[in-house]
């Protein structure tokens, strides 16, 4: 499954990544991140071990909108539960 690029609404909560078994990245449900602004997120569909949580690449500036970034665009990985992703997509199509 590839969700492609979706728009994550302000106030949505996702979870940061944590390194785990075999140094793979997993969803860390103890590290929630609330979106302070609406931002685009790109599904990293080639990452293994996805489901029911799926990982997305989000520009770091989405979480620090007041900070100026002079370097090349930096990203963070944020995980969302499948049901939450489907709600976001379905609300756009309503």
C-alpha atoms as a PDB file:
ATOM      1  CA  UNK A   1       0.000   0.000   0.000  1.00  0.00           C
ATOM      2  CA  UNK A   2       1.274   3.457  -0.876  1.00  0.00           C
ATOM      3  CA  UNK A   3      -0.581   6.479   0.478  1.00  0.00           C
ATOM      4  CA  UNK A   4       1.564   8.881  -1.569  1.00  0.00           C
ATOM      5  CA  UNK A   5       1.451  12.481  -0.374  1.00  0.00           C
ATOM      6  CA  UNK A   6      -1.320  13.537   1.996  1.00  0.00           C
ATOM      7  CA  UNK A   7      -2.103  16.771   3.808  1.00  0.00           C
ATOM      8  CA  UNK A   8      -2.042  16.363   7.592  1.00  0.00           C
ATOM      9  CA  UNK A   9      -4.370  18.844   9.345  1.00  0.00           C
ATOM     10  CA  UNK A  10      -3.261  21.095  12.180  1.00  0.00           C
ATOM     11  CA  UNK A  11      -3.837  19.398  15.548  1.00  0.00           C
ATOM     12  CA  UNK A  12      -3.299  15.855  14.232  1.00  0.00           C
ATOM     13  CA  UNK A  13      -1.149  13.678  16.483  1.00  0.00           C
ATOM     14  CA  UNK A  14       1.405  11.247  15.085  1.00  0.00           C
ATOM     15  CA  UNK A  15       4.331   9.432  16.656  1.00  0.00           C
ATOM     16  CA  UNK A  16       8.079   9.766  16.234  1.00  0.00           C
ATOM     17  CA  UNK A  17      10.372   6.911  15.232  1.00  0.00           C
ATOM     18  CA  UNK A  18      12.531   4.853  17.535  1.00  0.00           C
ATOM     19  CA  UNK A  19      15.349   2.490  16.596  1.00  0.00           C
ATOM     20  CA  UNK A  20      14.611  -1.093  17.563  1.00  0.00           C
ATOM     21  CA  UNK A  21      15.208  -4.718  16.612  1.00  0.00           C
ATOM     22  CA  UNK A  22      18.021  -5.057  14.008  1.00  0.00           C
ATOM     23  CA  UNK A  23      18.356  -1.228  14.121  1.00  0.00           C
ATOM     24  CA  UNK A  24      15.127  -0.846  12.128  1.00  0.00           C
ATOM     25  CA  UNK A  25      12.873   2.128  12.836  1.00  0.00           C
ATOM     26  CA  UNK A  26       9.532   1.625  14.533  1.00  0.00           C
ATOM     27  CA  UNK A  27       6.620   3.708  15.785  1.00  0.00           C
ATOM     28  CA  UNK A  28       7.284   5.063  19.281  1.00  0.00           C
ATOM     29  CA  UNK A  29       3.834   5.521  20.824  1.00  0.00           C
ATOM     30  CA  UNK A  30       5.463   7.158  23.836  1.00  0.00           C
ATOM     31  CA  UNK A  31       6.620  10.093  21.663  1.00  0.00           C
ATOM     32  CA  UNK A  32       3.513  11.830  20.312  1.00  0.00           C
ATOM     33  CA  UNK A  33       3.910  14.873  18.035  1.00  0.00           C
ATOM     34  CA  UNK A  34       1.014  17.266  17.442  1.00  0.00           C
ATOM     35  CA  UNK A  35       1.030  19.178  14.149  1.00  0.00           C
ATOM     36  CA  UNK A  36       1.046  22.933  14.918  1.00  0.00           C
ATOM     37  CA  UNK A  37       0.205  23.697  11.259  1.00  0.00           C
ATOM     38  CA  UNK A  38      -1.273  21.812   8.311  1.00  0.00           C
ATOM     39  CA  UNK A  39       1.558  20.115   6.431  1.00  0.00           C
ATOM     40  CA  UNK A  40       2.178  17.690   3.599  1.00  0.00           C
ATOM     41  CA  UNK A  41       3.530  14.251   4.446  1.00  0.00           C
ATOM     42  CA  UNK A  42       4.983  11.685   2.041  1.00  0.00           C
ATOM     43  CA  UNK A  43       4.422   8.012   2.777  1.00  0.00           C
ATOM     44  CA  UNK A  44       7.690   6.051   2.972  1.00  0.00           C
ATOM     45  CA  UNK A  45       6.075   2.944   1.526  1.00  0.00           C
ATOM     46  CA  UNK A  46       9.364   1.057   1.064  1.00  0.00           C
ATOM     47  CA  UNK A  47      10.033   0.921   4.821  1.00  0.00           C
ATOM     48  CA  UNK A  48       9.435  -2.526   6.256  1.00  0.00           C
ATOM     49  CA  UNK A  49       7.236  -3.462   9.229  1.00  0.00           C
ATOM     50  CA  UNK A  50       4.404  -1.045   8.525  1.00  0.00           C
ATOM     51  CA  UNK A  51       0.908  -1.790   9.686  1.00  0.00           C
ATOM     52  CA  UNK A  52      -1.180  -0.915  11.505  1.00  0.00           C
ATOM     53  CA  UNK A  53       1.096   2.142  11.832  1.00  0.00           C
ATOM     54  CA  UNK A  54       2.503   3.734   8.661  1.00  0.00           C
ATOM     55  CA  UNK A  55       5.483   6.087   8.424  1.00  0.00           C
ATOM     56  CA  UNK A  56       5.583   9.440   6.632  1.00  0.00           C
ATOM     57  CA  UNK A  57       8.322  11.956   5.884  1.00  0.00           C
ATOM     58  CA  UNK A  58       7.353  15.431   7.135  1.00  0.00           C
ATOM     59  CA  UNK A  59       9.357  18.667   6.728  1.00  0.00           C
ATOM     60  CA  UNK A  60      10.870  19.589  10.090  1.00  0.00           C
ATOM     61  CA  UNK A  61       9.723  23.176   9.600  1.00  0.00           C
ATOM     62  CA  UNK A  62       6.115  21.926  10.051  1.00  0.00           C
ATOM     63  CA  UNK A  63       6.915  21.475  13.756  1.00  0.00           C
ATOM     64  CA  UNK A  64       8.971  24.650  14.063  1.00  0.00           C
ATOM     65  CA  UNK A  65       7.147  27.062  11.750  1.00  0.00           C
ATOM     66  CA  UNK A  66       8.662  30.163  13.368  1.00  0.00           C
ATOM     67  CA  UNK A  67      12.253  28.971  12.899  1.00  0.00           C
ATOM     68  CA  UNK A  68      14.169  29.870   9.749  1.00  0.00           C
ATOM     69  CA  UNK A  69      16.016  26.964   8.161  1.00  0.00           C
ATOM     70  CA  UNK A  70      19.026  27.961   6.084  1.00  0.00           C
ATOM     71  CA  UNK A  71      20.120  24.438   5.224  1.00  0.00           C
ATOM     72  CA  UNK A  72      18.677  22.042   2.713  1.00  0.00           C
ATOM     73  CA  UNK A  73      15.209  20.871   3.760  1.00  0.00           C
ATOM     74  CA  UNK A  74      15.287  18.659   6.837  1.00  0.00           C
ATOM     75  CA  UNK A  75      12.685  15.983   7.541  1.00  0.00           C
ATOM     76  CA  UNK A  76      11.361  13.942  10.444  1.00  0.00           C
ATOM     77  CA  UNK A  77       9.555  10.621  10.268  1.00  0.00           C
ATOM     78  CA  UNK A  78       6.116  10.471  11.822  1.00  0.00           C
ATOM     79  CA  UNK A  79       3.899   7.395  12.177  1.00  0.00           C
ATOM     80  CA  UNK A  80       0.093   7.320  11.959  1.00  0.00           C
ATOM     81  CA  UNK A  81      -2.352   4.490  12.599  1.00  0.00           C
ATOM     82  CA  UNK A  82      -4.081   3.244   9.433  1.00  0.00           C
ATOM     83  CA  UNK A  83      -7.522   4.220  10.755  1.00  0.00           C
ATOM     84  CA  UNK A  84      -6.331   7.779  11.358  1.00  0.00           C
ATOM     85  CA  UNK A  85      -4.820   8.037   7.863  1.00  0.00           C
ATOM     86  CA  UNK A  86      -8.053   6.728   6.329  1.00  0.00           C
ATOM     87  CA  UNK A  87     -10.067   9.309   8.320  1.00  0.00           C
ATOM     88  CA  UNK A  88      -7.856  12.117   6.988  1.00  0.00           C
ATOM     89  CA  UNK A  89      -8.166  10.888   3.401  1.00  0.00           C
ATOM     90  CA  UNK A  90     -11.913  10.302   3.648  1.00  0.00           C
ATOM     91  CA  UNK A  91     -12.532  13.753   5.178  1.00  0.00           C
ATOM     92  CA  UNK A  92     -10.850  15.318   2.111  1.00  0.00           C
ATOM     93  CA  UNK A  93     -13.110  13.323  -0.219  1.00  0.00           C
ATOM     94  CA  UNK A  94     -16.367  14.107   1.623  1.00  0.00           C
END
